[in-house]
Amino acid sequence: MKIENDIEDFEALGNDHIGTSANTPMREDAFKLSNDEKIDIIKDDVRHIMETLGLDLTDDSLKGTPMRVAKMFVKEIFGGLNPDKKPNASTFDNKYKYGEMLVEKNITVYSTCEHHLLPIVGKAHVAYISNGTVVGLSKMNRIVDYFARRPQVQERLTIQIVKELQEVLNTEDVACVIDAKHLCVNSRGIRDVDCSTVTSEFGGKFKEKETRREFLDYIKLDTQF
């Protein structure tokens, strides 16, 4: 009976898309094992899952899957868990005295829902107003990618991007909007293939109605080349 209640609680938490912390929940010993050691353990776990499902891992198409999945988890889609991979976002003096907002829109987001380990795919739009320093444009994309490459909920991802840029740029004037599809909603459960999720985080001047509206108008622009 307790197991059934636990399962119902876990399902409710995941299906209602509830996050528990603004920081990614990590154990203190998260980096005790090397990447190779983690891959070796995960490979065996994936093999066990596949065998439990009844798959024949002697088949040429399947026998390499446990290793491929383990390497993908550690080195690719969950690589953002490793602080060593955090982008070095160097800043520069705003010598040209640009005082308006800078917007980087349509940044591709590939992340993974932490409730069902299914993809989150969408676009992030990020903006800041310089407080005397600027950051390279590509670093904004790299910051988005770094925090996306971990088990996530979209609300936390949005907050983490803003907080990181606020720290890098030494300003509260940072904003982020993310519009993404969650395959945990689109491909399972309710299976609503057309819906997407929009989240936002506004800091400093972006909390003001006029500044927020200007930012939202910018990201509506249809940029074509």
Protein backbone atom coordinates (compact mmCIF):
# COMPACT_ATOMS: atom_id res chain seq x y z
CA MET A 1 0.00 0.00 0.00
CA LYS A 2 2.83 2.40 0.87
CA ILE A 3 4.54 1.71 -2.48
CA GLU A 4 1.31 2.50 -4.33
CA ASN A 5 0.93 5.77 -2.40
CA ASP A 6 4.55 6.71 -3.11
CA ILE A 7 4.06 6.06 -6.81
CA GLU A 8 0.94 8.26 -6.82
CA ASP A 9 2.84 11.04 -5.04
CA PHE A 10 5.77 10.84 -7.46
CA GLU A 11 3.43 10.86 -10.46
CA ALA A 12 1.56 13.89 -9.13
CA LEU A 13 4.82 15.76 -8.59
CA GLY A 14 6.09 15.03 -12.09
CA ASN A 15 2.85 15.47 -13.99
CA ASP A 16 2.18 18.78 -12.26
CA HIS A 17 5.67 19.93 -13.26
CA ILE A 18 6.71 20.89 -9.74
CA GLY A 19 10.32 21.82 -8.99
CA THR A 20 11.79 21.71 -5.51
CA SER A 21 14.75 24.11 -5.66
CA ALA A 22 16.21 27.01 -7.65
CA ASN A 23 19.51 25.12 -7.55
CA THR A 24 20.00 21.77 -9.23
CA PRO A 25 19.72 19.15 -6.44
CA MET A 26 23.18 17.59 -6.13
CA ARG A 27 24.72 15.25 -3.56
CA GLU A 28 27.94 16.29 -1.82
CA ASP A 29 29.77 13.33 -3.35
CA ALA A 30 28.53 14.06 -6.88
CA PHE A 31 32.05 14.25 -8.32
CA LYS A 32 33.76 11.56 -6.30
CA LEU A 33 33.68 9.21 -9.30
CA SER A 34 35.50 9.95 -12.55
CA ASN A 35 33.56 10.22 -15.79
CA ASP A 36 34.85 6.82 -16.90
CA GLU A 37 33.70 5.24 -13.63
CA LYS A 38 30.26 6.81 -14.00
CA ILE A 39 29.97 5.58 -17.59
CA ASP A 40 30.88 2.05 -16.53
CA ILE A 41 28.20 1.99 -13.80
CA ILE A 42 25.48 3.59 -15.95
CA LYS A 43 26.26 1.19 -18.80
CA ASP A 44 25.46 -1.77 -16.55
CA ASP A 45 22.28 -0.08 -15.27
CA VAL A 46 21.04 0.59 -18.82
CA ARG A 47 21.81 -2.98 -19.79
CA HIS A 48 19.76 -4.19 -16.82
CA ILE A 49 16.81 -1.98 -17.80
CA MET A 50 16.87 -3.25 -21.39
CA GLU A 51 17.16 -6.88 -20.31
CA THR A 52 14.29 -6.39 -17.85
CA LEU A 53 12.17 -5.10 -20.73
CA GLY A 54 12.91 -8.34 -22.56
CA LEU A 55 15.29 -7.00 -25.22
CA ASP A 56 17.97 -9.25 -26.71
CA LEU A 57 21.26 -7.44 -26.20
CA THR A 58 23.15 -9.95 -28.37
CA ASP A 59 21.44 -8.32 -31.37
CA ASP A 60 23.89 -6.24 -33.43
CA SER A 61 21.64 -3.17 -33.25
CA LEU A 62 21.22 -3.29 -29.47
CA LYS A 63 24.46 -4.58 -28.01
CA GLY A 64 26.18 -1.18 -28.13
CA THR A 65 23.22 0.76 -26.72
CA PRO A 66 24.15 0.57 -23.00
CA MET A 67 27.57 2.13 -23.66
CA ARG A 68 26.17 4.73 -26.06
CA VAL A 69 23.53 5.82 -23.54
CA ALA A 70 26.03 5.95 -20.67
CA LYS A 71 28.47 8.12 -22.65
CA MET A 72 25.61 10.36 -23.80
CA PHE A 73 24.41 10.87 -20.22
CA VAL A 74 27.83 11.74 -18.78
CA LYS A 75 29.51 13.60 -21.65
CA GLU A 76 26.61 15.17 -23.51
CA ILE A 77 23.05 15.72 -22.29
CA PHE A 78 23.99 15.87 -18.58
CA GLY A 79 27.41 17.46 -19.08
CA GLY A 80 26.12 20.67 -17.49
CA LEU A 81 26.19 18.98 -14.08
CA ASN A 82 29.98 19.20 -14.16
CA PRO A 83 31.18 22.61 -12.87
CA ASP A 84 34.40 22.15 -14.84
CA LYS A 85 32.33 22.65 -17.99
CA LYS A 86 30.91 25.97 -16.86
CA PRO A 87 31.71 28.55 -19.58
CA ASN A 88 34.31 31.18 -18.76
CA ALA A 89 32.28 34.30 -19.50
CA SER A 90 34.89 37.03 -19.72
CA THR A 91 33.55 40.58 -19.60
CA PHE A 92 34.84 43.76 -21.21
CA ASP A 93 34.48 47.46 -20.56
CA ASN A 94 31.56 49.04 -22.35
CA LYS A 95 33.88 51.50 -24.11
CA TYR A 96 31.34 52.43 -26.78
CA LYS A 97 28.89 53.49 -24.03
CA TYR A 98 25.99 51.48 -25.43
CA GLY A 99 23.24 52.19 -22.92
CA GLU A 100 20.23 50.36 -24.34
CA MET A 101 19.27 46.74 -23.79
CA LEU A 102 21.07 44.02 -25.69
CA VAL A 103 18.91 41.08 -26.71
CA GLU A 104 20.07 37.66 -27.85
CA LYS A 105 16.98 35.88 -29.11
CA ASN A 106 16.16 32.43 -30.45
CA ILE A 107 18.92 30.63 -28.54
CA THR A 108 18.31 26.91 -29.04
CA VAL A 109 17.48 25.01 -25.85
CA TYR A 110 18.01 21.26 -25.59
CA SER A 111 17.37 20.04 -22.08
CA THR A 112 15.92 17.03 -20.25
CA CYS A 113 12.89 16.90 -17.97
CA GLU A 114 14.05 15.71 -14.55
CA HIS A 115 10.74 13.97 -13.87
CA HIS A 116 10.69 11.56 -16.82
CA LEU A 117 14.12 12.07 -18.45
CA LEU A 118 12.52 13.09 -21.74
CA PRO A 119 13.65 16.01 -23.94
CA ILE A 120 12.76 19.67 -23.52
CA VAL A 121 13.28 21.52 -26.80
CA GLY A 122 12.72 25.20 -27.45
CA LYS A 123 14.12 28.72 -27.64
CA ALA A 124 15.51 31.09 -25.03
CA HIS A 125 15.53 34.88 -25.36
CA VAL A 126 18.01 36.68 -23.10
CA ALA A 127 18.63 40.39 -22.55
CA TYR A 128 20.64 42.70 -20.32
CA ILE A 129 21.35 46.39 -19.86
CA SER A 130 25.02 47.14 -19.36
CA ASN A 131 26.22 48.42 -16.01
CA GLY A 132 29.61 49.31 -17.47
CA THR A 133 30.59 45.86 -18.71
CA VAL A 134 29.57 43.67 -21.65
CA VAL A 135 29.92 39.97 -22.38
CA GLY A 136 30.64 38.23 -25.69
CA LEU A 137 27.46 37.30 -27.52
CA SER A 138 28.33 33.63 -27.86
CA LYS A 139 28.87 33.39 -24.09
CA MET A 140 25.17 34.04 -23.59
CA ASN A 141 24.41 31.01 -25.78
CA ARG A 142 26.99 28.94 -23.90
CA ILE A 143 25.49 29.86 -20.52
CA VAL A 144 22.05 28.78 -21.72
CA ASP A 145 23.48 25.52 -23.06
CA TYR A 146 25.45 24.81 -19.87
CA PHE A 147 22.44 25.05 -17.56
CA ALA A 148 20.21 23.23 -20.08
CA ARG A 149 22.52 20.18 -20.15
CA ARG A 150 21.25 18.65 -16.93
CA PRO A 151 17.99 17.20 -15.61
CA GLN A 152 15.82 20.30 -15.39
CA VAL A 153 12.50 21.95 -14.87
CA GLN A 154 12.01 24.94 -17.13
CA GLU A 155 11.33 27.38 -14.30
CA ARG A 156 14.67 26.57 -12.65
CA LEU A 157 16.53 26.79 -15.95
CA THR A 158 15.12 30.27 -16.57
CA ILE A 159 16.16 31.46 -13.10
CA GLN A 160 19.64 29.92 -13.33
CA ILE A 161 20.37 31.67 -16.64
CA VAL A 162 19.36 35.06 -15.22
CA LYS A 163 21.28 34.62 -11.96
CA GLU A 164 24.45 33.57 -13.79
CA LEU A 165 24.35 36.57 -16.13
CA GLN A 166 23.60 38.90 -13.23
CA GLU A 167 26.73 37.64 -11.50
CA VAL A 168 28.88 37.77 -14.64
CA LEU A 169 27.76 41.28 -15.61
CA ASN A 170 27.45 42.66 -12.06
CA THR A 171 23.96 43.98 -12.74
CA GLU A 172 20.42 43.05 -11.80
CA ASP A 173 19.19 44.20 -15.22
CA VAL A 174 18.89 40.79 -16.89
CA ALA A 175 15.86 39.02 -18.36
CA CYS A 176 15.12 35.62 -19.87
CA VAL A 177 12.07 34.11 -21.57
CA ILE A 178 11.97 30.45 -22.64
CA ASP A 179 9.36 28.86 -24.90
CA ALA A 180 9.77 25.09 -25.09
CA LYS A 181 8.06 21.82 -25.80
CA HIS A 182 8.23 19.09 -23.15
CA LEU A 183 8.10 15.57 -24.53
CA CYS A 184 6.89 14.36 -21.13
CA VAL A 185 3.69 16.22 -22.04
CA ASN A 186 3.82 15.89 -25.84
CA SER A 187 4.68 12.19 -26.18
CA ARG A 188 3.29 10.59 -22.99
CA GLY A 189 0.62 11.27 -20.39
CA ILE A 190 -1.82 13.73 -21.94
CA ARG A 191 0.09 13.52 -25.27
CA ASP A 192 -0.74 17.06 -26.35
CA VAL A 193 1.66 17.55 -29.25
CA ASP A 194 0.80 21.21 -29.90
CA CYS A 195 1.30 22.79 -26.49
CA SER A 196 4.47 24.52 -25.28
CA THR A 197 5.55 26.03 -21.98
CA VAL A 198 6.61 29.67 -21.54
CA THR A 199 8.60 30.84 -18.51
CA SER A 200 10.17 34.19 -17.69
CA GLU A 201 12.47 35.79 -15.16
CA PHE A 202 12.92 39.58 -14.97
CA GLY A 203 15.53 41.33 -12.88
CA GLY A 204 16.23 44.99 -12.10
CA LYS A 205 14.90 47.40 -14.72
CA PHE A 206 13.14 44.57 -16.54
CA LYS A 207 10.60 44.48 -13.70
CA GLU A 208 9.44 47.89 -14.92
CA LYS A 209 6.48 47.65 -17.29
CA GLU A 210 7.94 49.76 -20.13
CA THR A 211 11.33 48.00 -20.15
CA ARG A 212 9.71 44.57 -19.99
CA ARG A 213 7.38 45.47 -22.86
CA GLU A 214 10.31 46.70 -24.99
CA PHE A 215 12.11 43.39 -24.44
CA LEU A 216 9.03 41.35 -25.31
CA ASP A 217 8.49 43.43 -28.46
CA TYR A 218 12.09 42.79 -29.55
CA ILE A 219 11.73 39.01 -29.30
CA LYS A 220 8.61 39.15 -31.46
CA LEU A 221 10.61 40.58 -34.36
CA ASP A 222 10.70 38.23 -37.35
CA THR A 223 14.40 37.97 -38.17
CA GLN A 224 15.08 36.46 -41.60
CA PHE A 225 18.23 36.24 -43.69
